[in-house]
Amino acid sequence: MAIKSDLWIKRMCQKASLIEPFEEALIRKVGERRIISCGLSSYGYDCRLARDEFKVFSPVTGTEIDPKNFDANSLLDVPIRRSEDGSEYWLLPPHSYALGVTIERFNIPRNVTALAIGKSTYARSGLIANTTPLEANWCGRLVVELFNAANLPVRLYAEEGFIQILFFESDEECQTSYSDRGGKYQDQQGLTLPKL
């Protein structure tokens, strides 16, 4: 098994729709506005945080979190804000947990697995992104769990890079893929809550 390069990622996007939409280069500016980078990097792909779905866990509206019987009232829609340069962002309070979704949709081949990891720009700001696997034959938009470990609120910018995906190709196909076993998050289109 080996980590895959930018050339492999680009080929797989062209022939197998690995990532859609796909940015062939690392983007650091939109117009004159600097952004947290997104797009193709040397050995990975930096995903953007979708503007349409972002929720924060709230102790005010929920009583407990039960992953077997999840209460959607445990989550709050938080207002999106606009900064001086026109960037849109959410403010994640200190020691708070949120769920976000990638703009990008993935089609993981049967002999590939991938990992979502946090970007260093956010990690240096106190944000921890849960390391999330993208399993063989999984497809959909990725839901990412985010934790603000800092003592101050952290801005999470919409439609800018927030995680990186690393791809690993095996020398043989797995016996049972995510799709084969009827994975419960197969083909998720947006923020999907925990389910059995």
C-alpha atoms as a PDB file:
ATOM      1  CA  MET A   1       0.000   0.000   0.000  1.00  0.00           C
ATOM      2  CA  ALA A   2       1.341   3.429  -0.897  1.00  0.00           C
ATOM      3  CA  ILE A   3       0.247   7.033  -0.553  1.00  0.00           C
ATOM      4  CA  LYS A   4      -0.809   8.460  -3.911  1.00  0.00           C
ATOM      5  CA  SER A   5       0.622  11.550  -5.606  1.00  0.00           C
ATOM      6  CA  ASP A   6      -0.981  14.569  -7.211  1.00  0.00           C
ATOM      7  CA  LEU A   7      -0.522  12.928 -10.640  1.00  0.00           C
ATOM      8  CA  TRP A   8      -2.481   9.830  -9.538  1.00  0.00           C
ATOM      9  CA  ILE A   9      -5.232  11.945  -7.947  1.00  0.00           C
ATOM     10  CA  LYS A  10      -5.568  14.002 -11.128  1.00  0.00           C
ATOM     11  CA  ARG A  11      -5.736  10.871 -13.344  1.00  0.00           C
ATOM     12  CA  MET A  12      -8.344   9.277 -11.076  1.00  0.00           C
ATOM     13  CA  CYS A  13     -10.457  12.444 -11.145  1.00  0.00           C
ATOM     14  CA  GLN A  14     -10.368  12.461 -14.938  1.00  0.00           C
ATOM     15  CA  LYS A  15     -11.121   8.775 -15.487  1.00  0.00           C
ATOM     16  CA  ALA A  16     -13.127   7.722 -12.422  1.00  0.00           C
ATOM     17  CA  SER A  17     -14.621  10.953 -10.974  1.00  0.00           C
ATOM     18  CA  LEU A  18     -12.680  10.448  -7.720  1.00  0.00           C
ATOM     19  CA  ILE A  19     -13.474  14.016  -6.551  1.00  0.00           C
ATOM     20  CA  GLU A  20     -16.218  16.330  -7.851  1.00  0.00           C
ATOM     21  CA  PRO A  21     -15.877  19.260  -8.180  1.00  0.00           C
ATOM     22  CA  PHE A  22     -12.114  18.945  -8.639  1.00  0.00           C
ATOM     23  CA  GLU A  23      -9.596  21.800  -8.471  1.00  0.00           C
ATOM     24  CA  GLU A  24      -6.403  20.858 -10.394  1.00  0.00           C
ATOM     25  CA  ALA A  25      -4.188  23.307  -8.517  1.00  0.00           C
ATOM     26  CA  LEU A  26      -3.894  24.579  -4.973  1.00  0.00           C
ATOM     27  CA  ILE A  27      -6.015  27.729  -4.740  1.00  0.00           C
ATOM     28  CA  ARG A  28      -4.904  30.434  -2.311  1.00  0.00           C
ATOM     29  CA  LYS A  29      -6.851  33.441  -3.620  1.00  0.00           C
ATOM     30  CA  VAL A  30     -10.367  34.126  -4.847  1.00  0.00           C
ATOM     31  CA  GLY A  31     -10.188  37.372  -6.751  1.00  0.00           C
ATOM     32  CA  GLU A  32      -8.076  39.606  -4.502  1.00  0.00           C
ATOM     33  CA  ARG A  33      -9.126  37.824  -1.299  1.00  0.00           C
ATOM     34  CA  ARG A  34      -6.688  35.371   0.309  1.00  0.00           C
ATOM     35  CA  ILE A  35      -8.248  32.094   1.439  1.00  0.00           C
ATOM     36  CA  ILE A  36      -7.206  29.012   3.375  1.00  0.00           C
ATOM     37  CA  SER A  37      -5.881  26.843   0.540  1.00  0.00           C
ATOM     38  CA  CYS A  38      -7.986  24.230  -1.210  1.00  0.00           C
ATOM     39  CA  GLY A  39      -7.510  21.918  -4.167  1.00  0.00           C
ATOM     40  CA  LEU A  40      -4.795  19.510  -5.296  1.00  0.00           C
ATOM     41  CA  SER A  41      -1.596  19.353  -3.241  1.00  0.00           C
ATOM     42  CA  SER A  42       1.516  17.162  -3.592  1.00  0.00           C
ATOM     43  CA  TYR A  43       0.116  14.029  -1.946  1.00  0.00           C
ATOM     44  CA  GLY A  44      -3.448  14.912  -1.115  1.00  0.00           C
ATOM     45  CA  TYR A  45      -6.461  17.078  -1.735  1.00  0.00           C
ATOM     46  CA  ASP A  46      -7.558  20.015   0.452  1.00  0.00           C
ATOM     47  CA  CYS A  47     -11.359  20.043   0.747  1.00  0.00           C
ATOM     48  CA  ARG A  48     -13.638  23.038   1.212  1.00  0.00           C
ATOM     49  CA  LEU A  49     -16.211  23.475   3.964  1.00  0.00           C
ATOM     50  CA  ALA A  50     -19.683  23.625   2.406  1.00  0.00           C
ATOM     51  CA  ARG A  51     -21.743  26.717   3.120  1.00  0.00           C
ATOM     52  CA  ASP A  52     -25.078  24.895   3.156  1.00  0.00           C
ATOM     53  CA  GLU A  53     -24.735  22.766   6.305  1.00  0.00           C
ATOM     54  CA  PHE A  54     -22.887  23.479   9.540  1.00  0.00           C
ATOM     55  CA  LYS A  55     -24.202  22.622  13.003  1.00  0.00           C
ATOM     56  CA  VAL A  56     -22.876  23.025  16.544  1.00  0.00           C
ATOM     57  CA  PHE A  57     -23.699  20.789  19.502  1.00  0.00           C
ATOM     58  CA  SER A  58     -25.611  22.626  22.226  1.00  0.00           C
ATOM     59  CA  PRO A  59     -26.061  21.718  25.904  1.00  0.00           C
ATOM     60  CA  VAL A  60     -29.015  24.124  25.983  1.00  0.00           C
ATOM     61  CA  THR A  61     -31.338  22.239  23.621  1.00  0.00           C
ATOM     62  CA  GLY A  62     -30.140  18.652  24.146  1.00  0.00           C
ATOM     63  CA  THR A  63     -29.986  16.494  27.262  1.00  0.00           C
ATOM     64  CA  GLU A  64     -27.504  13.837  26.143  1.00  0.00           C
ATOM     65  CA  ILE A  65     -25.980  12.487  22.967  1.00  0.00           C
ATOM     66  CA  ASP A  66     -26.963   8.919  22.162  1.00  0.00           C
ATOM     67  CA  PRO A  67     -25.384   7.678  18.916  1.00  0.00           C
ATOM     68  CA  LYS A  68     -27.969   4.858  18.757  1.00  0.00           C
ATOM     69  CA  ASN A  69     -30.914   7.245  19.050  1.00  0.00           C
ATOM     70  CA  PHE A  70     -29.600  10.644  18.031  1.00  0.00           C
ATOM     71  CA  ASP A  71     -31.706  13.670  18.941  1.00  0.00           C
ATOM     72  CA  ALA A  72     -31.366  16.326  16.221  1.00  0.00           C
ATOM     73  CA  ASN A  73     -32.289  18.934  18.880  1.00  0.00           C
ATOM     74  CA  SER A  74     -28.739  18.484  20.203  1.00  0.00           C
ATOM     75  CA  LEU A  75     -27.545  20.520  17.220  1.00  0.00           C
ATOM     76  CA  LEU A  76     -27.986  24.203  16.466  1.00  0.00           C
ATOM     77  CA  ASP A  77     -27.823  26.076  13.207  1.00  0.00           C
ATOM     78  CA  VAL A  78     -25.456  28.956  13.828  1.00  0.00           C
ATOM     79  CA  PRO A  79     -25.594  32.157  11.803  1.00  0.00           C
ATOM     80  CA  ILE A  80     -23.009  32.686   9.113  1.00  0.00           C
ATOM     81  CA  ARG A  81     -21.092  35.945   9.435  1.00  0.00           C
ATOM     82  CA  ARG A  82     -19.221  38.142   6.975  1.00  0.00           C
ATOM     83  CA  SER A  83     -15.742  39.534   7.583  1.00  0.00           C
ATOM     84  CA  GLU A  84     -14.321  42.838   6.358  1.00  0.00           C
ATOM     85  CA  ASP A  85     -12.859  41.206   3.223  1.00  0.00           C
ATOM     86  CA  GLY A  86     -16.165  39.528   2.294  1.00  0.00           C
ATOM     87  CA  SER A  87     -15.262  36.050   3.592  1.00  0.00           C
ATOM     88  CA  GLU A  88     -18.111  34.155   5.198  1.00  0.00           C
ATOM     89  CA  TYR A  89     -17.528  32.204   8.398  1.00  0.00           C
ATOM     90  CA  TRP A  90     -19.083  30.567  11.424  1.00  0.00           C
ATOM     91  CA  LEU A  91     -17.839  31.224  14.929  1.00  0.00           C
ATOM     92  CA  LEU A  92     -17.209  28.004  16.868  1.00  0.00           C
ATOM     93  CA  PRO A  93     -17.253  28.729  20.621  1.00  0.00           C
ATOM     94  CA  PRO A  94     -14.415  27.526  22.893  1.00  0.00           C
ATOM     95  CA  HIS A  95     -14.511  23.807  23.712  1.00  0.00           C
ATOM     96  CA  SER A  96     -17.403  23.260  21.311  1.00  0.00           C
ATOM     97  CA  TYR A  97     -18.010  20.503  18.793  1.00  0.00           C
ATOM     98  CA  ALA A  98     -19.493  20.938  15.319  1.00  0.00           C
ATOM     99  CA  LEU A  99     -20.368  18.987  12.188  1.00  0.00           C
ATOM    100  CA  GLY A 100     -19.529  20.260   8.725  1.00  0.00           C
ATOM    101  CA  VAL A 101     -19.674  18.834   5.207  1.00  0.00           C
ATOM    102  CA  THR A 102     -17.291  18.979   2.271  1.00  0.00           C
ATOM    103  CA  ILE A 103     -18.300  20.692  -0.948  1.00  0.00           C
ATOM    104  CA  GLU A 104     -16.559  17.840  -2.729  1.00  0.00           C
ATOM    105  CA  ARG A 105     -18.194  14.498  -3.441  1.00  0.00           C
ATOM    106  CA  PHE A 106     -15.997  11.372  -3.476  1.00  0.00           C
ATOM    107  CA  ASN A 107     -16.090   8.084  -5.393  1.00  0.00           C
ATOM    108  CA  ILE A 108     -13.518   5.858  -3.704  1.00  0.00           C
ATOM    109  CA  PRO A 109     -12.358   2.886  -5.839  1.00  0.00           C
ATOM    110  CA  ARG A 110     -12.512  -0.654  -4.460  1.00  0.00           C
ATOM    111  CA  ASN A 111      -8.718  -0.915  -4.007  1.00  0.00           C
ATOM    112  CA  VAL A 112      -8.313   2.505  -2.353  1.00  0.00           C
ATOM    113  CA  THR A 113      -8.887   3.872   1.117  1.00  0.00           C
ATOM    114  CA  ALA A 114      -8.433   7.497   2.145  1.00  0.00           C
ATOM    115  CA  LEU A 115      -8.042   9.477   5.350  1.00  0.00           C
ATOM    116  CA  ALA A 116      -9.309  12.957   6.155  1.00  0.00           C
ATOM    117  CA  ILE A 117      -6.989  14.888   8.454  1.00  0.00           C
ATOM    118  CA  GLY A 118      -6.980  18.467   9.741  1.00  0.00           C
ATOM    119  CA  LYS A 119      -5.101  21.293   8.014  1.00  0.00           C
ATOM    120  CA  SER A 120      -2.245  22.852   9.951  1.00  0.00           C
ATOM    121  CA  THR A 121      -3.609  26.407   9.624  1.00  0.00           C
ATOM    122  CA  TYR A 122      -6.639  25.380  11.664  1.00  0.00           C
ATOM    123  CA  ALA A 123      -4.689  23.065  13.994  1.00  0.00           C
ATOM    124  CA  ARG A 124      -2.457  26.020  14.921  1.00  0.00           C
ATOM    125  CA  SER A 125      -5.641  27.915  15.772  1.00  0.00           C
ATOM    126  CA  GLY A 126      -6.883  25.241  18.185  1.00  0.00           C
ATOM    127  CA  LEU A 127      -9.216  23.366  15.828  1.00  0.00           C
ATOM    128  CA  ILE A 128      -9.092  19.572  15.787  1.00  0.00           C
ATOM    129  CA  ALA A 129     -10.642  17.713  12.858  1.00  0.00           C
ATOM    130  CA  ASN A 130     -11.485  14.094  13.588  1.00  0.00           C
ATOM    131  CA  THR A 131      -9.384  11.728  11.475  1.00  0.00           C
ATOM    132  CA  THR A 132     -12.035  10.136   9.269  1.00  0.00           C
ATOM    133  CA  PRO A 133     -11.667   7.152   6.918  1.00  0.00           C
ATOM    134  CA  LEU A 134     -13.127   7.147   3.417  1.00  0.00           C
ATOM    135  CA  GLU A 135     -13.442   3.411   2.893  1.00  0.00           C
ATOM    136  CA  ALA A 136     -13.112   1.285  -0.244  1.00  0.00           C
ATOM    137  CA  ASN A 137     -16.120   1.785  -2.552  1.00  0.00           C
ATOM    138  CA  TRP A 138     -17.647   4.556  -0.420  1.00  0.00           C
ATOM    139  CA  CYS A 139     -19.170   7.514  -2.240  1.00  0.00           C
ATOM    140  CA  GLY A 140     -20.740  10.768  -1.111  1.00  0.00           C
ATOM    141  CA  ARG A 141     -19.969  14.088   0.520  1.00  0.00           C
ATOM    142  CA  LEU A 142     -17.907  13.728   3.672  1.00  0.00           C
ATOM    143  CA  VAL A 143     -19.279  14.789   7.064  1.00  0.00           C
ATOM    144  CA  VAL A 144     -16.420  16.027   9.254  1.00  0.00           C
ATOM    145  CA  GLU A 145     -16.413  16.384  13.026  1.00  0.00           C
ATOM    146  CA  LEU A 146     -14.649  19.516  14.325  1.00  0.00           C
ATOM    147  CA  PHE A 147     -13.620  20.429  17.877  1.00  0.00           C
ATOM    148  CA  ASN A 148     -12.421  23.822  19.104  1.00  0.00           C
ATOM    149  CA  ALA A 149      -9.839  22.955  21.777  1.00  0.00           C
ATOM    150  CA  ALA A 150      -8.906  26.622  22.266  1.00  0.00           C
ATOM    151  CA  ASN A 151     -10.095  28.957  25.018  1.00  0.00           C
ATOM    152  CA  LEU A 152     -11.275  31.455  22.386  1.00  0.00           C
ATOM    153  CA  PRO A 153     -13.814  31.179  19.547  1.00  0.00           C
ATOM    154  CA  VAL A 154     -12.404  29.992  16.194  1.00  0.00           C
ATOM    155  CA  ARG A 155     -13.596  31.186  12.792  1.00  0.00           C
ATOM    156  CA  LEU A 156     -14.432  28.437  10.307  1.00  0.00           C
ATOM    157  CA  TYR A 157     -14.491  29.854   6.806  1.00  0.00           C
ATOM    158  CA  ALA A 158     -17.146  28.688   4.356  1.00  0.00           C
ATOM    159  CA  GLU A 159     -15.978  27.493   0.946  1.00  0.00           C
ATOM    160  CA  GLU A 160     -12.311  27.477   2.002  1.00  0.00           C
ATOM    161  CA  GLY A 161      -9.947  24.594   2.782  1.00  0.00           C
ATOM    162  CA  PHE A 162     -10.434  22.903   6.169  1.00  0.00           C
ATOM    163  CA  ILE A 163      -9.251  19.290   5.818  1.00  0.00           C
ATOM    164  CA  GLN A 164      -6.892  17.300   3.627  1.00  0.00           C
ATOM    165  CA  ILE A 165      -7.621  13.893   2.120  1.00  0.00           C
ATOM    166  CA  LEU A 166      -4.752  11.404   1.709  1.00  0.00           C
ATOM    167  CA  PHE A 167      -5.280   8.453  -0.657  1.00  0.00           C
ATOM    168  CA  PHE A 168      -3.777   4.979  -0.245  1.00  0.00           C
ATOM    169  CA  GLU A 169      -3.945   2.326  -2.977  1.00  0.00           C
ATOM    170  CA  SER A 170      -3.655  -1.371  -2.106  1.00  0.00           C
ATOM    171  CA  ASP A 171      -1.941  -3.976  -4.264  1.00  0.00           C
ATOM    172  CA  GLU A 172      -5.134  -6.051  -4.131  1.00  0.00           C
ATOM    173  CA  GLU A 173      -8.862  -5.407  -3.840  1.00  0.00           C
ATOM    174  CA  CYS A 174     -10.596  -5.922  -0.512  1.00  0.00           C
ATOM    175  CA  GLN A 175     -12.883  -8.908  -0.110  1.00  0.00           C
ATOM    176  CA  THR A 176     -15.776  -6.824   1.266  1.00  0.00           C
ATOM    177  CA  SER A 177     -16.080  -3.117   0.480  1.00  0.00           C
ATOM    178  CA  TYR A 178     -18.149  -0.431   2.200  1.00  0.00           C
ATOM    179  CA  SER A 179     -20.701  -0.723  -0.587  1.00  0.00           C
ATOM    180  CA  ASP A 180     -20.813  -4.555  -0.382  1.00  0.00           C
ATOM    181  CA  ARG A 181     -21.737  -4.484   3.298  1.00  0.00           C
ATOM    182  CA  GLY A 182     -24.397  -1.801   2.775  1.00  0.00           C
ATOM    183  CA  GLY A 183     -22.584   0.942   4.706  1.00  0.00           C
ATOM    184  CA  LYS A 184     -25.070   3.256   6.416  1.00  0.00           C
ATOM    185  CA  TYR A 185     -23.415   6.468   5.178  1.00  0.00           C
ATOM    186  CA  GLN A 186     -23.164   5.375   1.540  1.00  0.00           C
ATOM    187  CA  ASP A 187     -23.994   8.163  -0.928  1.00  0.00           C
ATOM    188  CA  GLN A 188     -24.712  10.781   1.742  1.00  0.00           C
ATOM    189  CA  GLN A 189     -25.464  14.108   0.116  1.00  0.00           C
ATOM    190  CA  GLY A 190     -25.170  16.404   3.113  1.00  0.00           C
ATOM    191  CA  LEU A 191     -24.955  16.513   6.872  1.00  0.00           C
ATOM    192  CA  THR A 192     -26.016  13.009   7.913  1.00  0.00           C
ATOM    193  CA  LEU A 193     -26.554  12.442  11.640  1.00  0.00           C
ATOM    194  CA  PRO A 194     -25.391   9.296  13.499  1.00  0.00           C
ATOM    195  CA  LYS A 195     -27.485   6.226  12.751  1.00  0.00           C
ATOM    196  CA  LEU A 196     -27.465   2.468  13.275  1.00  0.00           C
END
